[in-house]
Amino acid sequence: MINGFNTFLNNWHAGKSERQKLQHIYLLLSIAIVLIAGILSLFSASLGQTMVKVALFTAAVFLSNAIVWNLLQAAVLSKLTARAKRK
């Protein structure tokens, strides 16, 4: 099982860009916090609600990061590669 997990991490590291890895971590963190908030809400409702707010914040960071990267890709990076190809 550990070998399979190491293989998965190596493939993930080799096949994804830094931006994609960051987005995956944001999404995974948000989901993990929601799961933890569900468990914590069994013991303390206010603590669970606070954790859900943290999860919403990480989801907002995920979405804003995706929007900014897509705008940057469309507006700047694609034009830089087009200019480099023309030269």
PDB file of N, CA and C in Angstrom:
ATOM      1  N   MET A   1       0.819  -1.189   0.000  1.00  0.00           N
ATOM      2  CA  MET A   1       0.000   0.000   0.000  1.00  0.00           C
ATOM      3  C   MET A   1       0.869   1.260   0.000  1.00  0.00           C
ATOM      4  N   ILE A   2       1.957   1.225   0.780  1.00  0.00           N
ATOM      5  CA  ILE A   2       2.853   2.382   0.812  1.00  0.00           C
ATOM      6  C   ILE A   2       3.533   2.552  -0.535  1.00  0.00           C
ATOM      7  N   ASN A   3       3.905   1.456  -1.177  1.00  0.00           N
ATOM      8  CA  ASN A   3       4.522   1.551  -2.501  1.00  0.00           C
ATOM      9  C   ASN A   3       3.551   2.138  -3.517  1.00  0.00           C
ATOM     10  N   GLY A   4       2.292   1.750  -3.436  1.00  0.00           N
ATOM     11  CA  GLY A   4       1.289   2.303  -4.335  1.00  0.00           C
ATOM     12  C   GLY A   4       1.089   3.791  -4.118  1.00  0.00           C
ATOM     13  N   PHE A   5       1.111   4.208  -2.854  1.00  0.00           N
ATOM     14  CA  PHE A   5       0.975   5.633  -2.543  1.00  0.00           C
ATOM     15  C   PHE A   5       2.188   6.414  -3.031  1.00  0.00           C
ATOM     16  N   ASN A   6       3.385   5.853  -2.856  1.00  0.00           N
ATOM     17  CA  ASN A   6       4.600   6.506  -3.364  1.00  0.00           C
ATOM     18  C   ASN A   6       4.575   6.615  -4.883  1.00  0.00           C
ATOM     19  N   THR A   7       4.113   5.569  -5.548  1.00  0.00           N
ATOM     20  CA  THR A   7       3.999   5.605  -7.006  1.00  0.00           C
ATOM     21  C   THR A   7       3.013   6.681  -7.445  1.00  0.00           C
ATOM     22  N   PHE A   8       1.882   6.757  -6.749  1.00  0.00           N
ATOM     23  CA  PHE A   8       0.895   7.785  -7.057  1.00  0.00           C
ATOM     24  C   PHE A   8       1.485   9.180  -6.891  1.00  0.00           C
ATOM     25  N   LEU A   9       2.205   9.423  -5.790  1.00  0.00           N
ATOM     26  CA  LEU A   9       2.804  10.738  -5.559  1.00  0.00           C
ATOM     27  C   LEU A   9       3.873  11.066  -6.594  1.00  0.00           C
ATOM     28  N   ASN A  10       4.671  10.087  -6.977  1.00  0.00           N
ATOM     29  CA  ASN A  10       5.695  10.324  -7.994  1.00  0.00           C
ATOM     30  C   ASN A  10       5.069  10.664  -9.345  1.00  0.00           C
ATOM     31  N   ASN A  11       4.015   9.948  -9.721  1.00  0.00           N
ATOM     32  CA  ASN A  11       3.324  10.234 -10.983  1.00  0.00           C
ATOM     33  C   ASN A  11       2.663  11.606 -10.936  1.00  0.00           C
ATOM     34  N   TRP A  12       2.078  11.931  -9.795  1.00  0.00           N
ATOM     35  CA  TRP A  12       1.429  13.239  -9.628  1.00  0.00           C
ATOM     36  C   TRP A  12       2.463  14.354  -9.721  1.00  0.00           C
ATOM     37  N   HIS A  13       3.618  14.144  -9.104  1.00  0.00           N
ATOM     38  CA  HIS A  13       4.675  15.157  -9.120  1.00  0.00           C
ATOM     39  C   HIS A  13       5.235  15.348 -10.527  1.00  0.00           C
ATOM     40  N   ALA A  14       5.397  14.270 -11.253  1.00  0.00           N
ATOM     41  CA  ALA A  14       5.991  14.348 -12.586  1.00  0.00           C
ATOM     42  C   ALA A  14       5.007  14.860 -13.636  1.00  0.00           C
ATOM     43  N   GLY A  15       3.714  14.598 -13.453  1.00  0.00           N
ATOM     44  CA  GLY A  15       2.752  14.903 -14.496  1.00  0.00           C
ATOM     45  C   GLY A  15       1.992  16.203 -14.355  1.00  0.00           C
ATOM     46  N   LYS A  16       2.190  16.927 -13.270  1.00  0.00           N
ATOM     47  CA  LYS A  16       1.425  18.153 -13.050  1.00  0.00           C
ATOM     48  C   LYS A  16       2.353  19.344 -12.910  1.00  0.00           C
ATOM     49  N   SER A  17       1.860  20.513 -13.297  1.00  0.00           N
ATOM     50  CA  SER A  17       2.627  21.743 -13.118  1.00  0.00           C
ATOM     51  C   SER A  17       2.490  22.222 -11.678  1.00  0.00           C
ATOM     52  N   GLU A  18       3.297  23.207 -11.331  1.00  0.00           N
ATOM     53  CA  GLU A  18       3.255  23.745  -9.968  1.00  0.00           C
ATOM     54  C   GLU A  18       1.885  24.351  -9.657  1.00  0.00           C
ATOM     55  N   ARG A  19       1.283  25.016 -10.625  1.00  0.00           N
ATOM     56  CA  ARG A  19      -0.031  25.618 -10.416  1.00  0.00           C
ATOM     57  C   ARG A  19      -1.087  24.547 -10.177  1.00  0.00           C
ATOM     58  N   GLN A  20      -1.037  23.477 -10.943  1.00  0.00           N
ATOM     59  CA  GLN A  20      -2.006  22.399 -10.766  1.00  0.00           C
ATOM     60  C   GLN A  20      -1.834  21.719  -9.412  1.00  0.00           C
ATOM     61  N   LYS A  21      -0.602  21.542  -8.977  1.00  0.00           N
ATOM     62  CA  LYS A  21      -0.361  20.947  -7.662  1.00  0.00           C
ATOM     63  C   LYS A  21      -0.922  21.838  -6.562  1.00  0.00           C
ATOM     64  N   LEU A  22      -0.695  23.142  -6.683  1.00  0.00           N
ATOM     65  CA  LEU A  22      -1.212  24.077  -5.690  1.00  0.00           C
ATOM     66  C   LEU A  22      -2.729  24.039  -5.642  1.00  0.00           C
ATOM     67  N   GLN A  23      -3.371  23.994  -6.791  1.00  0.00           N
ATOM     68  CA  GLN A  23      -4.830  23.926  -6.840  1.00  0.00           C
ATOM     69  C   GLN A  23      -5.337  22.626  -6.214  1.00  0.00           C
ATOM     70  N   HIS A  24      -4.668  21.528  -6.478  1.00  0.00           N
ATOM     71  CA  HIS A  24      -5.065  20.251  -5.880  1.00  0.00           C
ATOM     72  C   HIS A  24      -4.957  20.296  -4.364  1.00  0.00           C
ATOM     73  N   ILE A  25      -3.893  20.915  -3.864  1.00  0.00           N
ATOM     74  CA  ILE A  25      -3.710  21.013  -2.412  1.00  0.00           C
ATOM     75  C   ILE A  25      -4.796  21.886  -1.795  1.00  0.00           C
ATOM     76  N   TYR A  26      -5.134  23.014  -2.421  1.00  0.00           N
ATOM     77  CA  TYR A  26      -6.217  23.863  -1.909  1.00  0.00           C
ATOM     78  C   TYR A  26      -7.534  23.091  -1.838  1.00  0.00           C
ATOM     79  N   LEU A  27      -7.839  22.360  -2.887  1.00  0.00           N
ATOM     80  CA  LEU A  27      -9.090  21.610  -2.924  1.00  0.00           C
ATOM     81  C   LEU A  27      -9.090  20.486  -1.894  1.00  0.00           C
ATOM     82  N   LEU A  28      -7.991  19.763  -1.782  1.00  0.00           N
ATOM     83  CA  LEU A  28      -7.886  18.687  -0.807  1.00  0.00           C
ATOM     84  C   LEU A  28      -7.979  19.227   0.619  1.00  0.00           C
ATOM     85  N   LEU A  29      -7.344  20.358   0.873  1.00  0.00           N
ATOM     86  CA  LEU A  29      -7.400  20.976   2.191  1.00  0.00           C
ATOM     87  C   LEU A  29      -8.818  21.395   2.545  1.00  0.00           C
ATOM     88  N   SER A  30      -9.525  21.963   1.586  1.00  0.00           N
ATOM     89  CA  SER A  30     -10.902  22.388   1.816  1.00  0.00           C
ATOM     90  C   SER A  30     -11.804  21.198   2.148  1.00  0.00           C
ATOM     91  N   ILE A  31     -11.654  20.124   1.411  1.00  0.00           N
ATOM     92  CA  ILE A  31     -12.465  18.928   1.659  1.00  0.00           C
ATOM     93  C   ILE A  31     -12.124  18.319   3.010  1.00  0.00           C
ATOM     94  N   ALA A  32     -10.836  18.265   3.349  1.00  0.00           N
ATOM     95  CA  ALA A  32     -10.423  17.699   4.633  1.00  0.00           C
ATOM     96  C   ALA A  32     -10.971  18.528   5.794  1.00  0.00           C
ATOM     97  N   ILE A  33     -10.959  19.845   5.663  1.00  0.00           N
ATOM     98  CA  ILE A  33     -11.476  20.697   6.736  1.00  0.00           C
ATOM     99  C   ILE A  33     -12.974  20.502   6.903  1.00  0.00           C
ATOM    100  N   VAL A  34     -13.700  20.327   5.809  1.00  0.00           N
ATOM    101  CA  VAL A  34     -15.148  20.076   5.914  1.00  0.00           C
ATOM    102  C   VAL A  34     -15.404  18.754   6.636  1.00  0.00           C
ATOM    103  N   LEU A  35     -14.625  17.733   6.328  1.00  0.00           N
ATOM    104  CA  LEU A  35     -14.793  16.447   7.014  1.00  0.00           C
ATOM    105  C   LEU A  35     -14.471  16.561   8.505  1.00  0.00           C
ATOM    106  N   ILE A  36     -13.417  17.270   8.831  1.00  0.00           N
ATOM    107  CA  ILE A  36     -13.066  17.476  10.234  1.00  0.00           C
ATOM    108  C   ILE A  36     -14.135  18.297  10.933  1.00  0.00           C
ATOM    109  N   ALA A  37     -14.684  19.298  10.241  1.00  0.00           N
ATOM    110  CA  ALA A  37     -15.748  20.122  10.827  1.00  0.00           C
ATOM    111  C   ALA A  37     -16.984  19.278  11.127  1.00  0.00           C
ATOM    112  N   GLY A  38     -17.276  18.331  10.272  1.00  0.00           N
ATOM    113  CA  GLY A  38     -18.416  17.446  10.525  1.00  0.00           C
ATOM    114  C   GLY A  38     -18.232  16.617  11.778  1.00  0.00           C
ATOM    115  N   ILE A  39     -17.024  16.120  11.967  1.00  0.00           N
ATOM    116  CA  ILE A  39     -16.751  15.336  13.176  1.00  0.00           C
ATOM    117  C   ILE A  39     -16.768  16.232  14.413  1.00  0.00           C
ATOM    118  N   LEU A  40     -16.164  17.417  14.308  1.00  0.00           N
ATOM    119  CA  LEU A  40     -16.124  18.327  15.451  1.00  0.00           C
ATOM    120  C   LEU A  40     -17.508  18.857  15.829  1.00  0.00           C
ATOM    121  N   SER A  41     -18.383  18.962  14.855  1.00  0.00           N
ATOM    122  CA  SER A  41     -19.717  19.477  15.162  1.00  0.00           C
ATOM    123  C   SER A  41     -20.522  18.496  16.024  1.00  0.00           C
ATOM    124  N   LEU A  42     -20.105  17.237  16.069  1.00  0.00           N
ATOM    125  CA  LEU A  42     -20.745  16.284  16.971  1.00  0.00           C
ATOM    126  C   LEU A  42     -20.476  16.633  18.431  1.00  0.00           C
ATOM    127  N   PHE A  43     -19.337  17.263  18.684  1.00  0.00           N
ATOM    128  CA  PHE A  43     -18.950  17.614  20.046  1.00  0.00           C
ATOM    129  C   PHE A  43     -19.256  19.071  20.380  1.00  0.00           C
ATOM    130  N   SER A  44     -19.012  19.965  19.423  1.00  0.00           N
ATOM    131  CA  SER A  44     -19.231  21.385  19.653  1.00  0.00           C
ATOM    132  C   SER A  44     -19.736  22.008  18.354  1.00  0.00           C
ATOM    133  N   ALA A  45     -20.979  22.456  18.364  1.00  0.00           N
ATOM    134  CA  ALA A  45     -21.589  23.015  17.150  1.00  0.00           C
ATOM    135  C   ALA A  45     -20.884  24.294  16.710  1.00  0.00           C
ATOM    136  N   SER A  46     -20.513  25.136  17.656  1.00  0.00           N
ATOM    137  CA  SER A  46     -19.868  26.400  17.283  1.00  0.00           C
ATOM    138  C   SER A  46     -18.484  26.167  16.682  1.00  0.00           C
ATOM    139  N   LEU A  47     -17.752  25.197  17.214  1.00  0.00           N
ATOM    140  CA  LEU A  47     -16.442  24.880  16.657  1.00  0.00           C
ATOM    141  C   LEU A  47     -16.577  24.295  15.251  1.00  0.00           C
ATOM    142  N   GLY A  48     -17.560  23.469  15.047  1.00  0.00           N
ATOM    143  CA  GLY A  48     -17.815  22.923  13.712  1.00  0.00           C
ATOM    144  C   GLY A  48     -18.165  24.000  12.709  1.00  0.00           C
ATOM    145  N   GLN A  49     -18.978  24.972  13.137  1.00  0.00           N
ATOM    146  CA  GLN A  49     -19.341  26.076  12.236  1.00  0.00           C
ATOM    147  C   GLN A  49     -18.129  26.954  11.925  1.00  0.00           C
ATOM    148  N   THR A  50     -17.268  27.139  12.895  1.00  0.00           N
ATOM    149  CA  THR A  50     -16.045  27.906  12.659  1.00  0.00           C
ATOM    150  C   THR A  50     -15.154  27.192  11.652  1.00  0.00           C
ATOM    151  N   MET A  51     -15.057  25.888  11.767  1.00  0.00           N
ATOM    152  CA  MET A  51     -14.245  25.120  10.822  1.00  0.00           C
ATOM    153  C   MET A  51     -14.831  25.165   9.414  1.00  0.00           C
ATOM    154  N   VAL A  52     -16.145  25.183   9.313  1.00  0.00           N
ATOM    155  CA  VAL A  52     -16.773  25.301   7.995  1.00  0.00           C
ATOM    156  C   VAL A  52     -16.455  26.660   7.386  1.00  0.00           C
ATOM    157  N   LYS A  53     -16.392  27.694   8.193  1.00  0.00           N
ATOM    158  CA  LYS A  53     -16.009  29.023   7.690  1.00  0.00           C
ATOM    159  C   LYS A  53     -14.578  29.000   7.162  1.00  0.00           C
ATOM    160  N   VAL A  54     -13.708  28.287   7.862  1.00  0.00           N
ATOM    161  CA  VAL A  54     -12.327  28.146   7.388  1.00  0.00           C
ATOM    162  C   VAL A  54     -12.307  27.386   6.062  1.00  0.00           C
ATOM    163  N   ALA A  55     -13.120  26.364   5.954  1.00  0.00           N
ATOM    164  CA  ALA A  55     -13.205  25.601   4.703  1.00  0.00           C
ATOM    165  C   ALA A  55     -13.739  26.461   3.569  1.00  0.00           C
ATOM    166  N   LEU A  56     -14.710  27.306   3.861  1.00  0.00           N
ATOM    167  CA  LEU A  56     -15.213  28.225   2.835  1.00  0.00           C
ATOM    168  C   LEU A  56     -14.134  29.213   2.403  1.00  0.00           C
ATOM    169  N   PHE A  57     -13.317  29.644   3.345  1.00  0.00           N
ATOM    170  CA  PHE A  57     -12.216  30.538   3.001  1.00  0.00           C
ATOM    171  C   PHE A  57     -11.227  29.843   2.071  1.00  0.00           C
ATOM    172  N   THR A  58     -10.870  28.593   2.373  1.00  0.00           N
ATOM    173  CA  THR A  58      -9.943  27.877   1.503  1.00  0.00           C
ATOM    174  C   THR A  58     -10.561  27.611   0.131  1.00  0.00           C
ATOM    175  N   ALA A  59     -11.872  27.389   0.086  1.00  0.00           N
ATOM    176  CA  ALA A  59     -12.543  27.225  -1.205  1.00  0.00           C
ATOM    177  C   ALA A  59     -12.520  28.535  -1.986  1.00  0.00           C
ATOM    178  N   ALA A  60     -12.676  29.662  -1.291  1.00  0.00           N
ATOM    179  CA  ALA A  60     -12.601  30.963  -1.956  1.00  0.00           C
ATOM    180  C   ALA A  60     -11.195  31.224  -2.486  1.00  0.00           C
ATOM    181  N   VAL A  61     -10.188  30.819  -1.733  1.00  0.00           N
ATOM    182  CA  VAL A  61      -8.807  30.948  -2.198  1.00  0.00           C
ATOM    183  C   VAL A  61      -8.593  30.080  -3.435  1.00  0.00           C
ATOM    184  N   PHE A  62      -9.135  28.876  -3.412  1.00  0.00           N
ATOM    185  CA  PHE A  62      -9.042  27.982  -4.567  1.00  0.00           C
ATOM    186  C   PHE A  62      -9.660  28.629  -5.809  1.00  0.00           C
ATOM    187  N   LEU A  63     -10.867  29.164  -5.667  1.00  0.00           N
ATOM    188  CA  LEU A  63     -11.544  29.778  -6.819  1.00  0.00           C
ATOM    189  C   LEU A  63     -10.839  31.040  -7.291  1.00  0.00           C
ATOM    190  N   SER A  64     -10.424  31.891  -6.369  1.00  0.00           N
ATOM    191  CA  SER A  64      -9.745  33.119  -6.781  1.00  0.00           C
ATOM    192  C   SER A  64      -8.408  32.809  -7.438  1.00  0.00           C
ATOM    193  N   ASN A  65      -7.693  31.821  -6.933  1.00  0.00           N
ATOM    194  CA  ASN A  65      -6.436  31.422  -7.550  1.00  0.00           C
ATOM    195  C   ASN A  65      -6.663  30.884  -8.959  1.00  0.00           C
ATOM    196  N   ALA A  66      -7.711  30.108  -9.142  1.00  0.00           N
ATOM    197  CA  ALA A  66      -8.021  29.581 -10.477  1.00  0.00           C
ATOM    198  C   ALA A  66      -8.355  30.710 -11.443  1.00  0.00           C
ATOM    199  N   ILE A  67      -9.132  31.676 -10.991  1.00  0.00           N
ATOM    200  CA  ILE A  67      -9.503  32.797 -11.858  1.00  0.00           C
ATOM    201  C   ILE A  67      -8.281  33.630 -12.227  1.00  0.00           C
ATOM    202  N   VAL A  68      -7.448  33.937 -11.243  1.00  0.00           N
ATOM    203  CA  VAL A  68      -6.262  34.754 -11.508  1.00  0.00           C
ATOM    204  C   VAL A  68      -5.303  34.037 -12.452  1.00  0.00           C
ATOM    205  N   TRP A  69      -5.078  32.752 -12.240  1.00  0.00           N
ATOM    206  CA  TRP A  69      -4.179  32.018 -13.122  1.00  0.00           C
ATOM    207  C   TRP A  69      -4.724  31.942 -14.548  1.00  0.00           C
ATOM    208  N   ASN A  70      -6.028  31.755 -14.694  1.00  0.00           N
ATOM    209  CA  ASN A  70      -6.605  31.709 -16.037  1.00  0.00           C
ATOM    210  C   ASN A  70      -6.527  33.059 -16.732  1.00  0.00           C
ATOM    211  N   LEU A  71      -6.771  34.139 -15.998  1.00  0.00           N
ATOM    212  CA  LEU A  71      -6.630  35.467 -16.589  1.00  0.00           C
ATOM    213  C   LEU A  71      -5.188  35.757 -16.963  1.00  0.00           C
ATOM    214  N   LEU A  72      -4.274  35.383 -16.101  1.00  0.00           N
ATOM    215  CA  LEU A  72      -2.852  35.569 -16.394  1.00  0.00           C
ATOM    216  C   LEU A  72      -2.438  34.756 -17.615  1.00  0.00           C
ATOM    217  N   GLN A  73      -2.912  33.534 -17.693  1.00  0.00           N
ATOM    218  CA  GLN A  73      -2.589  32.687 -18.837  1.00  0.00           C
ATOM    219  C   GLN A  73      -3.138  33.284 -20.129  1.00  0.00           C
ATOM    220  N   ALA A  74      -4.368  33.755 -20.087  1.00  0.00           N
ATOM    221  CA  ALA A  74      -5.000  34.282 -21.296  1.00  0.00           C
ATOM    222  C   ALA A  74      -4.427  35.630 -21.713  1.00  0.00           C
ATOM    223  N   ALA A  75      -4.149  36.483 -20.744  1.00  0.00           N
ATOM    224  CA  ALA A  75      -3.750  37.847 -21.075  1.00  0.00           C
ATOM    225  C   ALA A  75      -2.256  38.010 -21.290  1.00  0.00           C
ATOM    226  N   VAL A  76      -1.434  37.292 -20.562  1.00  0.00           N
ATOM    227  CA  VAL A  76       0.002  37.557 -20.600  1.00  0.00           C
ATOM    228  C   VAL A  76       0.800  36.379 -21.154  1.00  0.00           C
ATOM    229  N   LEU A  77       0.658  35.228 -20.550  1.00  0.00           N
ATOM    230  CA  LEU A  77       1.533  34.112 -20.884  1.00  0.00           C
ATOM    231  C   LEU A  77       1.347  33.616 -22.309  1.00  0.00           C
ATOM    232  N   SER A  78       0.124  33.589 -22.795  1.00  0.00           N
ATOM    233  CA  SER A  78      -0.090  33.133 -24.177  1.00  0.00           C
ATOM    234  C   SER A  78       0.515  34.100 -25.182  1.00  0.00           C
ATOM    235  N   LYS A  79       0.499  35.401 -24.861  1.00  0.00           N
ATOM    236  CA  LYS A  79       1.102  36.384 -25.761  1.00  0.00           C
ATOM    237  C   LYS A  79       2.623  36.299 -25.738  1.00  0.00           C
ATOM    238  N   LEU A  80       3.192  35.973 -24.599  1.00  0.00           N
ATOM    239  CA  LEU A  80       4.652  35.823 -24.514  1.00  0.00           C
ATOM    240  C   LEU A  80       5.115  34.644 -25.339  1.00  0.00           C
ATOM    241  N   THR A  81       4.391  33.532 -25.278  1.00  0.00           N
ATOM    242  CA  THR A  81       4.803  32.372 -26.070  1.00  0.00           C
ATOM    243  C   THR A  81       4.581  32.620 -27.557  1.00  0.00           C
ATOM    244  N   ALA A  82       3.552  33.399 -27.912  1.00  0.00           N
ATOM    245  CA  ALA A  82       3.323  33.715 -29.330  1.00  0.00           C
ATOM    246  C   ALA A  82       4.447  34.591 -29.868  1.00  0.00           C
ATOM    247  N   ARG A  83       4.915  35.544 -29.084  1.00  0.00           N
ATOM    248  CA  ARG A  83       6.020  36.390 -29.512  1.00  0.00           C
ATOM    249  C   ARG A  83       7.307  35.609 -29.634  1.00  0.00           C
ATOM    250  N   ALA A  84       7.525  34.681 -28.734  1.00  0.00           N
ATOM    251  CA  ALA A  84       8.734  33.867 -28.768  1.00  0.00           C
ATOM    252  C   ALA A  84       8.734  32.980 -30.007  1.00  0.00           C
ATOM    253  N   LYS A  85       7.586  32.482 -30.422  1.00  0.00           N
ATOM    254  CA  LYS A  85       7.506  31.631 -31.608  1.00  0.00           C
ATOM    255  C   LYS A  85       7.750  32.433 -32.883  1.00  0.00           C
ATOM    256  N   ARG A  86       7.307  33.703 -32.894  1.00  0.00           N
ATOM    257  CA  ARG A  86       7.505  34.539 -34.092  1.00  0.00           C
ATOM    258  C   ARG A  86       8.972  34.876 -34.308  1.00  0.00           C
ATOM    259  N   LYS A  87       9.737  35.025 -33.239  1.00  0.00           N
ATOM    260  CA  LYS A  87      11.155  35.346 -33.379  1.00  0.00           C
ATOM    261  C   LYS A  87      11.894  34.126 -33.847  1.00  0.00           C
TER     262      LYS A  87
END
